Structure formats: C-alpha cells, structure tokens
Amino acid sequence: MKVADLIYSRSDIFSITENQTVHEAARYLRERQVRSVGVLTPGGMLVGVVSQSDISDKVAAENKCPAWMRVSEIMTSHPIVVSPSAHLDECVRLMEKHGIYHLPVVDETETYRGMISAQDLLRVIASDEKARADMLESFLFSGR
C-alpha cells in the first residue's frame, strides 16, 4: 500500500501558517482532534511541522506565553517528508530511524498533501494482519 492510498481518501488537509500564534495553533489542533499539522507559507509551501509536543515542550514547559509566540518560533523546520508514491513500509522505517510520529506528504510539485501518522500506519498494519489471520482460520477450519 502507498501513502496516496491513505491520504487521497481524506476530505480535509490540516495546516496552519507560520505567522499564527502558538495559542491559535493549539486551538486548531484541539478543535480538529489532530496531534500535528503542516506549517505553510502564505503561498502554500511547506516550511515546517508543529505538534502538540512542540507546544508542550517549547512553550508550556518553558513557561512562555502562547499568545505572544509565533508558530515559526517552535515549529520543526525542514521536516522529513514523503511523497504520495512512497510505500507505507518506507514511512515506518523513516519514523523509526528519526524518532518521529508524523510525516508530511509533499508531491512532486512541492504541494503539501497532508500528514501520515504512526497511528495511521498501525491501523493499516493491524487490518492487514487481521485479514491474514481470518484467511488462515478459514483455510484451517473450513472442514476439509
């Protein structure tokens, strides 16, 4: 399965701009019930990623004011990205290698297409394993 199989079925692509306040970003994440979003320039180019952990580690834990800070101050710049044509096992390897839980998806035209999470990958893997187990059970216990 490829990244495109997951992200192109989604109706929403969540993103914020680098000029928004951290407070606005935190509310955006909470309202949409996501843990990470792409940070885009006004022209729509991906320049970073901001996550709930960025907010808690770089703002709350440092006792800084989220209303006065900009997303550009806490985001992860130059994030590791994947293309829609990447296989999901490549995503797993990248996440494991770099200790990250989200991968922005950027196509060949440098357009941000969404985010793949470790939770997305876990859902697919679990579904595939369940299908294999069901097939094996059917084969073994079909009464042959």
N, C-alpha and C. Protein backbone atom coordinates (compact mmCIF):
# COMPACT_ATOMS: atom_id res chain seq x y z
N MET A 1 0.83 -1.17 0.00
CA MET A 1 0.00 0.00 0.00
C MET A 1 0.88 1.25 0.00
N LYS A 2 0.41 2.26 -0.67
CA LYS A 2 1.17 3.50 -0.78
C LYS A 2 0.51 4.62 0.03
N VAL A 3 1.28 5.66 0.27
CA VAL A 3 0.81 6.83 1.02
C VAL A 3 -0.43 7.42 0.35
N ALA A 4 -0.43 7.50 -0.95
CA ALA A 4 -1.57 8.07 -1.69
C ALA A 4 -2.87 7.33 -1.38
N ASP A 5 -2.78 6.02 -1.15
CA ASP A 5 -3.98 5.23 -0.83
C ASP A 5 -4.63 5.71 0.47
N LEU A 6 -3.83 6.22 1.37
CA LEU A 6 -4.36 6.73 2.64
C LEU A 6 -4.81 8.17 2.54
N ILE A 7 -3.97 9.02 2.02
CA ILE A 7 -4.25 10.46 2.12
C ILE A 7 -5.25 10.96 1.09
N TYR A 8 -5.33 10.34 -0.06
CA TYR A 8 -6.25 10.85 -1.08
C TYR A 8 -7.70 10.50 -0.78
N SER A 9 -7.94 9.63 0.20
CA SER A 9 -9.31 9.33 0.60
C SER A 9 -9.82 10.32 1.65
N ARG A 10 -8.95 11.17 2.15
CA ARG A 10 -9.33 12.14 3.18
C ARG A 10 -9.95 13.38 2.56
N SER A 11 -10.91 13.94 3.28
CA SER A 11 -11.56 15.13 2.76
C SER A 11 -10.90 16.42 3.24
N ASP A 12 -10.17 16.36 4.34
CA ASP A 12 -9.54 17.55 4.92
C ASP A 12 -8.02 17.42 4.96
N ILE A 13 -7.36 18.53 4.67
CA ILE A 13 -5.92 18.64 4.84
C ILE A 13 -5.71 19.74 5.86
N PHE A 14 -5.13 19.40 7.00
CA PHE A 14 -4.96 20.35 8.08
C PHE A 14 -3.61 21.04 7.99
N SER A 15 -3.64 22.37 8.08
CA SER A 15 -2.41 23.15 8.06
C SER A 15 -2.65 24.50 8.72
N ILE A 16 -1.55 25.12 9.10
CA ILE A 16 -1.59 26.46 9.66
C ILE A 16 -0.47 27.26 9.01
N THR A 17 -0.43 28.56 9.30
CA THR A 17 0.64 29.38 8.75
C THR A 17 1.68 29.67 9.83
N GLU A 18 2.86 29.99 9.39
CA GLU A 18 3.96 30.24 10.32
C GLU A 18 3.77 31.52 11.12
N ASN A 19 2.89 32.41 10.69
CA ASN A 19 2.65 33.67 11.39
C ASN A 19 1.56 33.59 12.46
N GLN A 20 0.86 32.47 12.53
CA GLN A 20 -0.16 32.33 13.56
C GLN A 20 0.51 32.23 14.93
N THR A 21 -0.26 32.57 15.97
CA THR A 21 0.27 32.43 17.32
C THR A 21 0.23 30.96 17.73
N VAL A 22 1.03 30.62 18.70
CA VAL A 22 1.03 29.27 19.24
C VAL A 22 -0.33 28.97 19.87
N HIS A 23 -0.93 29.95 20.48
CA HIS A 23 -2.27 29.78 21.06
C HIS A 23 -3.27 29.38 19.97
N GLU A 24 -3.23 30.06 18.84
CA GLU A 24 -4.12 29.72 17.72
C GLU A 24 -3.84 28.31 17.21
N ALA A 25 -2.57 27.95 17.15
CA ALA A 25 -2.20 26.61 16.69
C ALA A 25 -2.72 25.54 17.65
N ALA A 26 -2.59 25.79 18.95
CA ALA A 26 -3.06 24.82 19.94
C ALA A 26 -4.58 24.63 19.84
N ARG A 27 -5.30 25.71 19.65
CA ARG A 27 -6.75 25.62 19.49
C ARG A 27 -7.12 24.87 18.21
N TYR A 28 -6.38 25.15 17.15
CA TYR A 28 -6.62 24.48 15.86
C TYR A 28 -6.43 22.96 16.00
N LEU A 29 -5.35 22.55 16.64
CA LEU A 29 -5.08 21.12 16.85
C LEU A 29 -6.21 20.48 17.68
N ARG A 30 -6.59 21.15 18.76
CA ARG A 30 -7.64 20.62 19.63
C ARG A 30 -8.98 20.51 18.91
N GLU A 31 -9.36 21.55 18.20
CA GLU A 31 -10.66 21.56 17.52
C GLU A 31 -10.75 20.49 16.44
N ARG A 32 -9.67 20.20 15.78
CA ARG A 32 -9.67 19.21 14.72
C ARG A 32 -9.26 17.82 15.19
N GLN A 33 -8.91 17.74 16.46
CA GLN A 33 -8.51 16.48 17.09
C GLN A 33 -7.37 15.80 16.33
N VAL A 34 -6.34 16.60 16.01
CA VAL A 34 -5.12 16.08 15.40
C VAL A 34 -3.94 16.46 16.28
N ARG A 35 -2.85 15.75 16.15
CA ARG A 35 -1.69 15.99 17.00
C ARG A 35 -0.57 16.75 16.32
N SER A 36 -0.67 16.89 15.00
CA SER A 36 0.39 17.54 14.25
C SER A 36 -0.17 18.07 12.94
N VAL A 37 0.36 19.24 12.49
CA VAL A 37 -0.07 19.80 11.22
C VAL A 37 1.12 20.39 10.48
N GLY A 38 0.95 20.50 9.17
CA GLY A 38 1.95 21.17 8.36
C GLY A 38 1.86 22.67 8.56
N VAL A 39 3.02 23.32 8.51
CA VAL A 39 3.08 24.78 8.60
C VAL A 39 3.43 25.29 7.21
N LEU A 40 2.55 26.14 6.66
CA LEU A 40 2.70 26.60 5.29
C LEU A 40 2.98 28.09 5.23
N THR A 41 3.69 28.49 4.19
CA THR A 41 3.86 29.91 3.90
C THR A 41 2.55 30.42 3.34
N PRO A 42 2.38 31.75 3.26
CA PRO A 42 1.15 32.27 2.64
C PRO A 42 0.97 31.77 1.20
N GLY A 43 2.07 31.40 0.54
CA GLY A 43 1.99 30.86 -0.81
C GLY A 43 1.69 29.38 -0.87
N GLY A 44 1.55 28.74 0.30
CA GLY A 44 1.18 27.33 0.34
C GLY A 44 2.32 26.33 0.35
N MET A 45 3.54 26.79 0.55
CA MET A 45 4.70 25.87 0.59
C MET A 45 4.94 25.39 2.02
N LEU A 46 5.23 24.11 2.18
CA LEU A 46 5.51 23.55 3.50
C LEU A 46 6.86 24.06 4.00
N VAL A 47 6.86 24.65 5.18
CA VAL A 47 8.12 25.13 5.78
C VAL A 47 8.40 24.47 7.12
N GLY A 48 7.44 23.72 7.63
CA GLY A 48 7.65 23.08 8.92
C GLY A 48 6.47 22.26 9.35
N VAL A 49 6.61 21.75 10.56
CA VAL A 49 5.57 20.96 11.20
C VAL A 49 5.49 21.43 12.64
N VAL A 50 4.28 21.52 13.16
CA VAL A 50 4.11 21.82 14.58
C VAL A 50 3.19 20.76 15.18
N SER A 51 3.54 20.32 16.37
CA SER A 51 2.80 19.26 17.03
C SER A 51 2.44 19.66 18.45
N GLN A 52 1.57 18.86 19.05
CA GLN A 52 1.21 19.09 20.44
C GLN A 52 2.45 19.04 21.33
N SER A 53 3.37 18.13 21.02
CA SER A 53 4.57 18.03 21.86
C SER A 53 5.46 19.26 21.70
N ASP A 54 5.50 19.87 20.52
CA ASP A 54 6.24 21.12 20.35
C ASP A 54 5.68 22.18 21.29
N ILE A 55 4.37 22.25 21.35
CA ILE A 55 3.71 23.26 22.18
C ILE A 55 3.98 23.00 23.66
N SER A 56 3.86 21.75 24.07
CA SER A 56 4.08 21.46 25.49
C SER A 56 5.56 21.57 25.88
N ASP A 57 6.47 21.11 25.00
CA ASP A 57 7.90 21.13 25.33
C ASP A 57 8.54 22.51 25.20
N LYS A 58 8.14 23.26 24.20
CA LYS A 58 8.81 24.53 23.91
C LYS A 58 8.08 25.76 24.43
N VAL A 59 6.85 25.58 24.87
CA VAL A 59 6.08 26.73 25.36
C VAL A 59 5.64 26.49 26.80
N ALA A 60 4.77 25.52 27.00
CA ALA A 60 4.24 25.28 28.35
C ALA A 60 5.34 24.92 29.34
N ALA A 61 6.22 23.99 28.98
CA ALA A 61 7.27 23.57 29.90
C ALA A 61 8.29 24.67 30.18
N GLU A 62 8.38 25.63 29.29
CA GLU A 62 9.31 26.75 29.45
C GLU A 62 8.62 27.98 30.04
N ASN A 63 7.32 27.82 30.38
CA ASN A 63 6.54 28.90 30.97
C ASN A 63 6.52 30.16 30.10
N LYS A 64 6.36 29.94 28.79
CA LYS A 64 6.26 31.05 27.84
C LYS A 64 4.80 31.29 27.50
N CYS A 65 4.51 32.44 26.98
CA CYS A 65 3.13 32.81 26.67
C CYS A 65 2.78 32.44 25.23
N PRO A 66 1.85 31.50 25.04
CA PRO A 66 1.48 31.07 23.69
C PRO A 66 0.80 32.16 22.87
N ALA A 67 0.22 33.14 23.52
CA ALA A 67 -0.46 34.22 22.79
C ALA A 67 0.54 35.19 22.16
N TRP A 68 1.77 35.20 22.66
CA TRP A 68 2.77 36.14 22.16
C TRP A 68 3.78 35.49 21.22
N MET A 69 3.80 34.17 21.19
CA MET A 69 4.77 33.46 20.35
C MET A 69 4.15 33.07 19.02
N ARG A 70 4.97 33.05 17.99
CA ARG A 70 4.54 32.63 16.66
C ARG A 70 4.91 31.17 16.44
N VAL A 71 4.15 30.52 15.59
CA VAL A 71 4.40 29.13 15.24
C VAL A 71 5.82 28.97 14.70
N SER A 72 6.29 29.95 13.95
CA SER A 72 7.64 29.88 13.37
C SER A 72 8.73 29.73 14.43
N GLU A 73 8.45 30.13 15.67
CA GLU A 73 9.43 30.04 16.75
C GLU A 73 9.56 28.64 17.34
N ILE A 74 8.54 27.81 17.16
CA ILE A 74 8.58 26.49 17.80
C ILE A 74 8.48 25.32 16.82
N MET A 75 8.16 25.60 15.57
CA MET A 75 7.94 24.52 14.60
C MET A 75 9.25 23.79 14.30
N THR A 76 9.12 22.59 13.79
CA THR A 76 10.26 21.84 13.28
C THR A 76 10.42 22.27 11.83
N SER A 77 11.51 22.98 11.55
CA SER A 77 11.78 23.43 10.18
C SER A 77 12.40 22.31 9.37
N HIS A 78 12.22 22.35 8.07
CA HIS A 78 12.79 21.37 7.14
C HIS A 78 12.48 19.94 7.59
N PRO A 79 11.20 19.62 7.75
CA PRO A 79 10.84 18.27 8.21
C PRO A 79 11.15 17.21 7.16
N ILE A 80 11.27 16.00 7.64
CA ILE A 80 11.41 14.85 6.75
C ILE A 80 10.05 14.62 6.13
N VAL A 81 10.00 14.50 4.82
CA VAL A 81 8.73 14.35 4.11
C VAL A 81 8.74 13.06 3.29
N VAL A 82 7.55 12.65 2.88
CA VAL A 82 7.40 11.52 1.97
C VAL A 82 6.53 11.95 0.80
N SER A 83 6.66 11.23 -0.28
CA SER A 83 5.84 11.52 -1.46
C SER A 83 4.61 10.61 -1.43
N PRO A 84 3.57 10.97 -2.15
CA PRO A 84 2.38 10.12 -2.21
C PRO A 84 2.68 8.73 -2.77
N SER A 85 3.74 8.60 -3.54
CA SER A 85 4.06 7.30 -4.14
C SER A 85 4.90 6.41 -3.22
N ALA A 86 5.28 6.91 -2.06
CA ALA A 86 6.08 6.11 -1.12
C ALA A 86 5.24 4.96 -0.56
N HIS A 87 5.90 3.84 -0.31
CA HIS A 87 5.24 2.70 0.31
C HIS A 87 5.16 2.92 1.81
N LEU A 88 4.15 2.36 2.44
CA LEU A 88 3.95 2.56 3.87
C LEU A 88 5.09 2.00 4.70
N ASP A 89 5.73 0.93 4.22
CA ASP A 89 6.87 0.40 4.98
C ASP A 89 8.04 1.39 5.01
N GLU A 90 8.17 2.21 3.98
CA GLU A 90 9.18 3.27 3.98
C GLU A 90 8.86 4.30 5.06
N CYS A 91 7.59 4.61 5.23
CA CYS A 91 7.18 5.55 6.28
C CYS A 91 7.53 5.01 7.66
N VAL A 92 7.27 3.73 7.87
CA VAL A 92 7.61 3.10 9.15
C VAL A 92 9.11 3.21 9.41
N ARG A 93 9.91 2.91 8.41
CA ARG A 93 11.37 2.99 8.57
C ARG A 93 11.83 4.42 8.88
N LEU A 94 11.27 5.40 8.18
CA LEU A 94 11.64 6.80 8.43
C LEU A 94 11.26 7.24 9.84
N MET A 95 10.07 6.88 10.27
CA MET A 95 9.62 7.25 11.61
C MET A 95 10.52 6.62 12.67
N GLU A 96 10.83 5.36 12.47
CA GLU A 96 11.69 4.65 13.43
C GLU A 96 13.10 5.23 13.44
N LYS A 97 13.66 5.47 12.28
CA LYS A 97 15.02 5.99 12.17
C LYS A 97 15.17 7.36 12.82
N HIS A 98 14.17 8.22 12.64
CA HIS A 98 14.27 9.61 13.10
C HIS A 98 13.49 9.88 14.40
N GLY A 99 12.84 8.86 14.95
CA GLY A 99 12.11 9.03 16.20
C GLY A 99 10.97 10.01 16.10
N ILE A 100 10.22 9.93 15.01
CA ILE A 100 9.10 10.85 14.79
C ILE A 100 7.81 10.05 14.63
N TYR A 101 6.68 10.74 14.81
CA TYR A 101 5.38 10.08 14.75
C TYR A 101 4.49 10.58 13.62
N HIS A 102 4.97 11.60 12.89
CA HIS A 102 4.20 12.18 11.79
C HIS A 102 5.12 12.48 10.62
N LEU A 103 4.63 12.25 9.41
CA LEU A 103 5.37 12.57 8.19
C LEU A 103 4.49 13.40 7.27
N PRO A 104 4.92 14.62 6.94
CA PRO A 104 4.18 15.40 5.96
C PRO A 104 4.33 14.76 4.58
N VAL A 105 3.28 14.86 3.80
CA VAL A 105 3.29 14.32 2.44
C VAL A 105 3.36 15.50 1.47
N VAL A 106 4.38 15.46 0.62
CA VAL A 106 4.60 16.54 -0.36
C VAL A 106 4.76 15.88 -1.73
N ASP A 107 4.00 16.37 -2.70
CA ASP A 107 4.08 15.78 -4.04
C ASP A 107 5.21 16.37 -4.87
N GLU A 108 5.31 15.93 -6.12
CA GLU A 108 6.41 16.35 -7.00
C GLU A 108 6.40 17.84 -7.33
N THR A 109 5.26 18.49 -7.12
CA THR A 109 5.19 19.94 -7.37
C THR A 109 5.42 20.74 -6.08
N GLU A 110 5.88 20.04 -5.02
CA GLU A 110 6.15 20.66 -3.72
C GLU A 110 4.87 21.10 -3.01
N THR A 111 3.73 20.52 -3.38
CA THR A 111 2.46 20.85 -2.75
C THR A 111 2.22 19.94 -1.55
N TYR A 112 1.86 20.55 -0.44
CA TYR A 112 1.56 19.80 0.78
C TYR A 112 0.24 19.07 0.60
N ARG A 113 0.24 17.75 0.86
CA ARG A 113 -0.94 16.92 0.64
C ARG A 113 -1.54 16.34 1.91
N GLY A 114 -0.92 16.62 3.05
CA GLY A 114 -1.44 16.09 4.31
C GLY A 114 -0.35 15.46 5.14
N MET A 115 -0.79 14.69 6.13
CA MET A 115 0.12 14.11 7.11
C MET A 115 -0.20 12.64 7.31
N ILE A 116 0.84 11.84 7.42
CA ILE A 116 0.70 10.42 7.77
C ILE A 116 1.19 10.28 9.20
N SER A 117 0.42 9.62 10.04
CA SER A 117 0.82 9.44 11.43
C SER A 117 1.15 7.97 11.70
N ALA A 118 1.85 7.76 12.80
CA ALA A 118 2.14 6.39 13.23
C ALA A 118 0.84 5.64 13.49
N GLN A 119 -0.16 6.35 13.98
CA GLN A 119 -1.46 5.75 14.23
C GLN A 119 -2.12 5.28 12.92
N ASP A 120 -1.97 6.06 11.85
CA ASP A 120 -2.47 5.65 10.54
C ASP A 120 -1.83 4.33 10.12
N LEU A 121 -0.52 4.26 10.27
CA LEU A 121 0.22 3.07 9.87
C LEU A 121 -0.17 1.86 10.71
N LEU A 122 -0.34 2.08 12.00
CA LEU A 122 -0.74 0.99 12.89
C LEU A 122 -2.11 0.44 12.50
N ARG A 123 -3.04 1.31 12.14
CA ARG A 123 -4.37 0.87 11.71
C ARG A 123 -4.27 -0.04 10.48
N VAL A 124 -3.46 0.36 9.51
CA VAL A 124 -3.32 -0.42 8.28
C VAL A 124 -2.66 -1.76 8.57
N ILE A 125 -1.60 -1.74 9.34
CA ILE A 125 -0.89 -2.99 9.68
C ILE A 125 -1.82 -3.94 10.43
N ALA A 126 -2.56 -3.43 11.41
CA ALA A 126 -3.48 -4.27 12.18
C ALA A 126 -4.57 -4.85 11.29
N SER A 127 -5.08 -4.05 10.37
CA SER A 127 -6.11 -4.52 9.46
C SER A 127 -5.58 -5.62 8.54
N ASP A 128 -4.36 -5.42 8.03
CA ASP A 128 -3.74 -6.44 7.17
C ASP A 128 -3.52 -7.74 7.92
N GLU A 129 -3.04 -7.65 9.15
CA GLU A 129 -2.78 -8.85 9.95
C GLU A 129 -4.09 -9.57 10.28
N LYS A 130 -5.15 -8.82 10.57
CA LYS A 130 -6.44 -9.44 10.84
C LYS A 130 -6.95 -10.17 9.61
N ALA A 131 -6.80 -9.57 8.44
CA ALA A 131 -7.23 -10.22 7.20
C ALA A 131 -6.45 -11.51 6.98
N ARG A 132 -5.16 -11.49 7.24
CA ARG A 132 -4.34 -12.71 7.09
C ARG A 132 -4.78 -13.78 8.07
N ALA A 133 -5.02 -13.39 9.31
CA ALA A 133 -5.46 -14.36 10.32
C ALA A 133 -6.81 -14.95 9.96
N ASP A 134 -7.73 -14.13 9.47
CA ASP A 134 -9.05 -14.63 9.07
C ASP A 134 -8.94 -15.61 7.91
N MET A 135 -8.07 -15.30 6.96
CA MET A 135 -7.87 -16.19 5.82
C MET A 135 -7.29 -17.53 6.28
N LEU A 136 -6.31 -17.49 7.17
CA LEU A 136 -5.69 -18.71 7.67
C LEU A 136 -6.70 -19.53 8.47
N GLU A 137 -7.48 -18.86 9.30
CA GLU A 137 -8.51 -19.55 10.07
C GLU A 137 -9.52 -20.23 9.15
N SER A 138 -9.93 -19.55 8.12
CA SER A 138 -10.88 -20.10 7.16
C SER A 138 -10.30 -21.33 6.48
N PHE A 139 -9.06 -21.25 6.12
CA PHE A 139 -8.39 -22.36 5.45
C PHE A 139 -8.25 -23.55 6.38
N LEU A 140 -7.80 -23.32 7.61
CA LEU A 140 -7.55 -24.40 8.55
C LEU A 140 -8.81 -25.08 9.07
N PHE A 141 -9.86 -24.29 9.25
CA PHE A 141 -11.04 -24.82 9.90
C PHE A 141 -12.26 -24.84 8.98
N SER A 142 -12.02 -24.98 7.70
CA SER A 142 -13.14 -24.97 6.74
C SER A 142 -13.82 -26.33 6.63
N GLY A 143 -13.34 -27.34 7.36
CA GLY A 143 -14.00 -28.65 7.35
C GLY A 143 -13.53 -29.54 6.22
N ARG A 144 -12.38 -29.25 5.69
CA ARG A 144 -11.87 -30.10 4.59
C ARG A 144 -11.50 -31.46 5.06
